[in-house]
């Protein structure tokens, strides 16, 4: 396996690890959101990254009873 393929493989592996960690800790994933909007809602404009993060965090923390602790 040449160096470029090893680097590409390592980059894909780290991207999967990072995505898994974000899901575990509940961090919003803007890239996945944008991909979903483009794939499932053609013609709709996705929120900006700032709007997305603000909306996800408010949905997570502003509802009483939505957390276990």
N, C-alpha and C. Protein backbone atom coordinates (compact mmCIF):
# COMPACT_ATOMS: atom_id res chain seq x y z
N UNK A 1 0.87 -1.18 0.00
CA UNK A 1 0.00 0.00 0.00
C UNK A 1 0.91 1.24 0.00
N UNK A 2 0.66 2.15 -0.91
CA UNK A 2 1.53 3.32 -0.97
C UNK A 2 1.14 4.35 0.10
N UNK A 3 1.98 5.32 0.25
CA UNK A 3 1.81 6.31 1.32
C UNK A 3 0.51 7.09 1.18
N UNK A 4 0.15 7.48 -0.04
CA UNK A 4 -1.08 8.26 -0.24
C UNK A 4 -2.31 7.48 0.19
N UNK A 5 -2.34 6.18 -0.14
CA UNK A 5 -3.47 5.35 0.27
C UNK A 5 -3.53 5.18 1.78
N UNK A 6 -2.37 5.03 2.40
CA UNK A 6 -2.34 4.92 3.87
C UNK A 6 -2.84 6.19 4.53
N UNK A 7 -2.42 7.32 4.01
CA UNK A 7 -2.86 8.61 4.57
C UNK A 7 -4.36 8.77 4.37
N UNK A 8 -4.87 8.45 3.20
CA UNK A 8 -6.30 8.56 2.93
C UNK A 8 -7.09 7.63 3.84
N UNK A 9 -6.59 6.42 4.03
CA UNK A 9 -7.25 5.46 4.90
C UNK A 9 -7.25 5.95 6.35
N UNK A 10 -6.14 6.48 6.80
CA UNK A 10 -6.05 7.01 8.16
C UNK A 10 -6.98 8.20 8.33
N UNK A 11 -7.07 9.06 7.34
CA UNK A 11 -7.97 10.22 7.41
C UNK A 11 -9.42 9.78 7.51
N UNK A 12 -9.81 8.77 6.73
CA UNK A 12 -11.19 8.26 6.81
C UNK A 12 -11.47 7.66 8.17
N UNK A 13 -10.48 6.91 8.71
CA UNK A 13 -10.63 6.31 10.02
C UNK A 13 -10.81 7.38 11.09
N UNK A 14 -9.98 8.41 11.07
CA UNK A 14 -10.10 9.49 12.06
C UNK A 14 -11.42 10.24 11.90
N UNK A 15 -11.90 10.42 10.68
CA UNK A 15 -13.19 11.08 10.48
C UNK A 15 -14.32 10.26 11.09
N UNK A 16 -14.25 8.93 10.93
CA UNK A 16 -15.28 8.07 11.54
C UNK A 16 -15.19 8.12 13.05
N UNK A 17 -13.97 8.11 13.60
CA UNK A 17 -13.80 8.19 15.05
C UNK A 17 -14.37 9.51 15.57
N UNK A 18 -14.05 10.60 14.90
CA UNK A 18 -14.55 11.92 15.32
C UNK A 18 -16.07 11.98 15.26
N UNK A 19 -16.66 11.43 14.21
CA UNK A 19 -18.12 11.43 14.10
C UNK A 19 -18.75 10.60 15.21
N UNK A 20 -18.14 9.47 15.54
CA UNK A 20 -18.65 8.63 16.63
C UNK A 20 -18.57 9.36 17.96
N UNK A 21 -17.46 10.00 18.22
CA UNK A 21 -17.31 10.75 19.47
C UNK A 21 -18.33 11.88 19.54
N UNK A 22 -18.55 12.59 18.43
CA UNK A 22 -19.56 13.66 18.43
C UNK A 22 -20.94 13.11 18.74
N UNK A 23 -21.27 11.93 18.18
CA UNK A 23 -22.58 11.33 18.48
C UNK A 23 -22.68 10.93 19.94
N UNK A 24 -21.61 10.38 20.49
CA UNK A 24 -21.62 9.94 21.89
C UNK A 24 -21.83 11.11 22.83
N UNK A 25 -21.13 12.21 22.59
CA UNK A 25 -21.24 13.35 23.50
C UNK A 25 -22.40 14.28 23.13
N UNK A 26 -23.07 13.99 22.03
CA UNK A 26 -24.23 14.79 21.64
C UNK A 26 -23.92 16.10 20.96
N UNK A 27 -22.72 16.23 20.41
CA UNK A 27 -22.37 17.46 19.70
C UNK A 27 -23.09 17.51 18.36
N UNK A 28 -23.60 18.66 17.99
CA UNK A 28 -24.28 18.77 16.70
C UNK A 28 -23.32 18.56 15.54
N UNK A 29 -23.77 17.87 14.50
CA UNK A 29 -22.94 17.57 13.34
C UNK A 29 -23.48 18.33 12.14
N UNK A 30 -22.92 19.51 11.89
CA UNK A 30 -23.41 20.39 10.84
C UNK A 30 -23.26 19.77 9.46
N UNK A 31 -22.15 19.11 9.19
CA UNK A 31 -21.93 18.52 7.86
C UNK A 31 -22.99 17.46 7.56
N UNK A 32 -23.33 16.65 8.55
CA UNK A 32 -24.38 15.63 8.36
C UNK A 32 -25.73 16.31 8.13
N UNK A 33 -26.00 17.39 8.85
CA UNK A 33 -27.25 18.13 8.67
C UNK A 33 -27.35 18.69 7.26
N UNK A 34 -26.29 19.31 6.77
CA UNK A 34 -26.30 19.89 5.42
C UNK A 34 -26.49 18.80 4.37
N UNK A 35 -25.80 17.67 4.53
CA UNK A 35 -25.96 16.56 3.60
C UNK A 35 -27.40 16.06 3.60
N UNK A 36 -27.99 15.96 4.79
CA UNK A 36 -29.39 15.52 4.91
C UNK A 36 -30.34 16.50 4.21
N UNK A 37 -30.16 17.78 4.45
CA UNK A 37 -31.04 18.78 3.83
C UNK A 37 -30.95 18.71 2.32
N UNK A 38 -29.74 18.62 1.78
CA UNK A 38 -29.58 18.56 0.33
C UNK A 38 -30.18 17.27 -0.25
N UNK A 39 -30.03 16.16 0.47
CA UNK A 39 -30.51 14.87 -0.05
C UNK A 39 -32.01 14.70 0.11
N UNK A 40 -32.56 15.13 1.25
CA UNK A 40 -33.96 14.85 1.56
C UNK A 40 -34.90 16.02 1.31
N UNK A 41 -34.38 17.22 1.24
CA UNK A 41 -35.22 18.41 1.08
C UNK A 41 -34.66 19.31 -0.02
N UNK A 42 -34.66 18.81 -1.27
CA UNK A 42 -34.10 19.62 -2.36
C UNK A 42 -34.86 20.94 -2.49
N UNK A 43 -34.14 21.99 -2.71
CA UNK A 43 -34.75 23.30 -2.83
C UNK A 43 -34.80 24.07 -1.53
N UNK A 44 -34.61 23.37 -0.41
CA UNK A 44 -34.59 24.05 0.89
C UNK A 44 -33.16 24.50 1.20
N UNK A 45 -33.05 25.68 1.75
CA UNK A 45 -31.75 26.22 2.12
C UNK A 45 -31.44 25.80 3.56
N UNK A 46 -30.30 25.13 3.81
CA UNK A 46 -29.97 24.76 5.19
C UNK A 46 -29.64 26.00 6.02
N UNK A 47 -29.83 25.87 7.33
CA UNK A 47 -29.48 26.95 8.24
C UNK A 47 -27.97 27.17 8.18
N UNK A 48 -27.55 28.35 8.59
CA UNK A 48 -26.11 28.59 8.71
C UNK A 48 -25.59 27.73 9.87
N UNK A 49 -24.28 27.54 9.92
CA UNK A 49 -23.72 26.71 10.99
C UNK A 49 -24.02 27.32 12.36
N UNK A 50 -23.95 28.63 12.45
CA UNK A 50 -24.24 29.30 13.72
C UNK A 50 -25.70 29.07 14.14
N UNK A 51 -26.64 29.22 13.19
CA UNK A 51 -28.05 28.98 13.49
C UNK A 51 -28.30 27.53 13.88
N UNK A 52 -27.65 26.61 13.17
CA UNK A 52 -27.81 25.19 13.45
C UNK A 52 -27.37 24.86 14.87
N UNK A 53 -26.18 25.30 15.25
CA UNK A 53 -25.66 25.01 16.59
C UNK A 53 -26.56 25.63 17.64
N UNK A 54 -26.98 26.86 17.44
CA UNK A 54 -27.86 27.53 18.40
C UNK A 54 -29.17 26.76 18.56
N UNK A 55 -29.77 26.33 17.45
CA UNK A 55 -31.04 25.60 17.50
C UNK A 55 -30.87 24.25 18.18
N UNK A 56 -29.80 23.51 17.85
CA UNK A 56 -29.59 22.19 18.46
C UNK A 56 -29.34 22.30 19.96
N UNK A 57 -28.54 23.28 20.38
CA UNK A 57 -28.27 23.42 21.80
C UNK A 57 -29.50 23.88 22.57
N UNK A 58 -30.29 24.77 21.99
CA UNK A 58 -31.50 25.20 22.68
C UNK A 58 -32.50 24.04 22.75
N UNK A 59 -32.61 23.24 21.70
CA UNK A 59 -33.50 22.08 21.73
C UNK A 59 -33.06 21.08 22.80
N UNK A 60 -31.77 20.99 23.01
CA UNK A 60 -31.25 20.03 23.98
C UNK A 60 -31.41 20.51 25.43
N UNK A 61 -31.19 21.80 25.68
CA UNK A 61 -31.10 22.26 27.07
C UNK A 61 -32.28 23.10 27.54
N UNK A 62 -33.13 23.57 26.67
CA UNK A 62 -34.21 24.46 27.11
C UNK A 62 -35.50 23.73 27.45
N UNK A 63 -35.58 22.44 27.19
CA UNK A 63 -36.79 21.69 27.52
C UNK A 63 -36.64 21.04 28.87
N UNK A 64 -37.47 21.41 29.84
CA UNK A 64 -37.38 20.76 31.16
C UNK A 64 -37.71 19.27 31.02
N UNK A 65 -36.98 18.46 31.74
CA UNK A 65 -37.23 17.04 31.71
C UNK A 65 -36.58 16.31 30.55
N UNK A 66 -35.86 17.03 29.71
CA UNK A 66 -35.25 16.37 28.56
C UNK A 66 -33.88 15.78 28.89
N UNK A 67 -33.40 16.02 30.09
CA UNK A 67 -32.10 15.49 30.51
C UNK A 67 -32.27 14.58 31.72
N UNK A 68 -31.37 13.67 31.89
CA UNK A 68 -31.45 12.77 33.02
C UNK A 68 -30.78 13.34 34.27
N UNK A 69 -29.91 14.31 34.11
CA UNK A 69 -29.17 14.84 35.27
C UNK A 69 -29.34 16.33 35.43
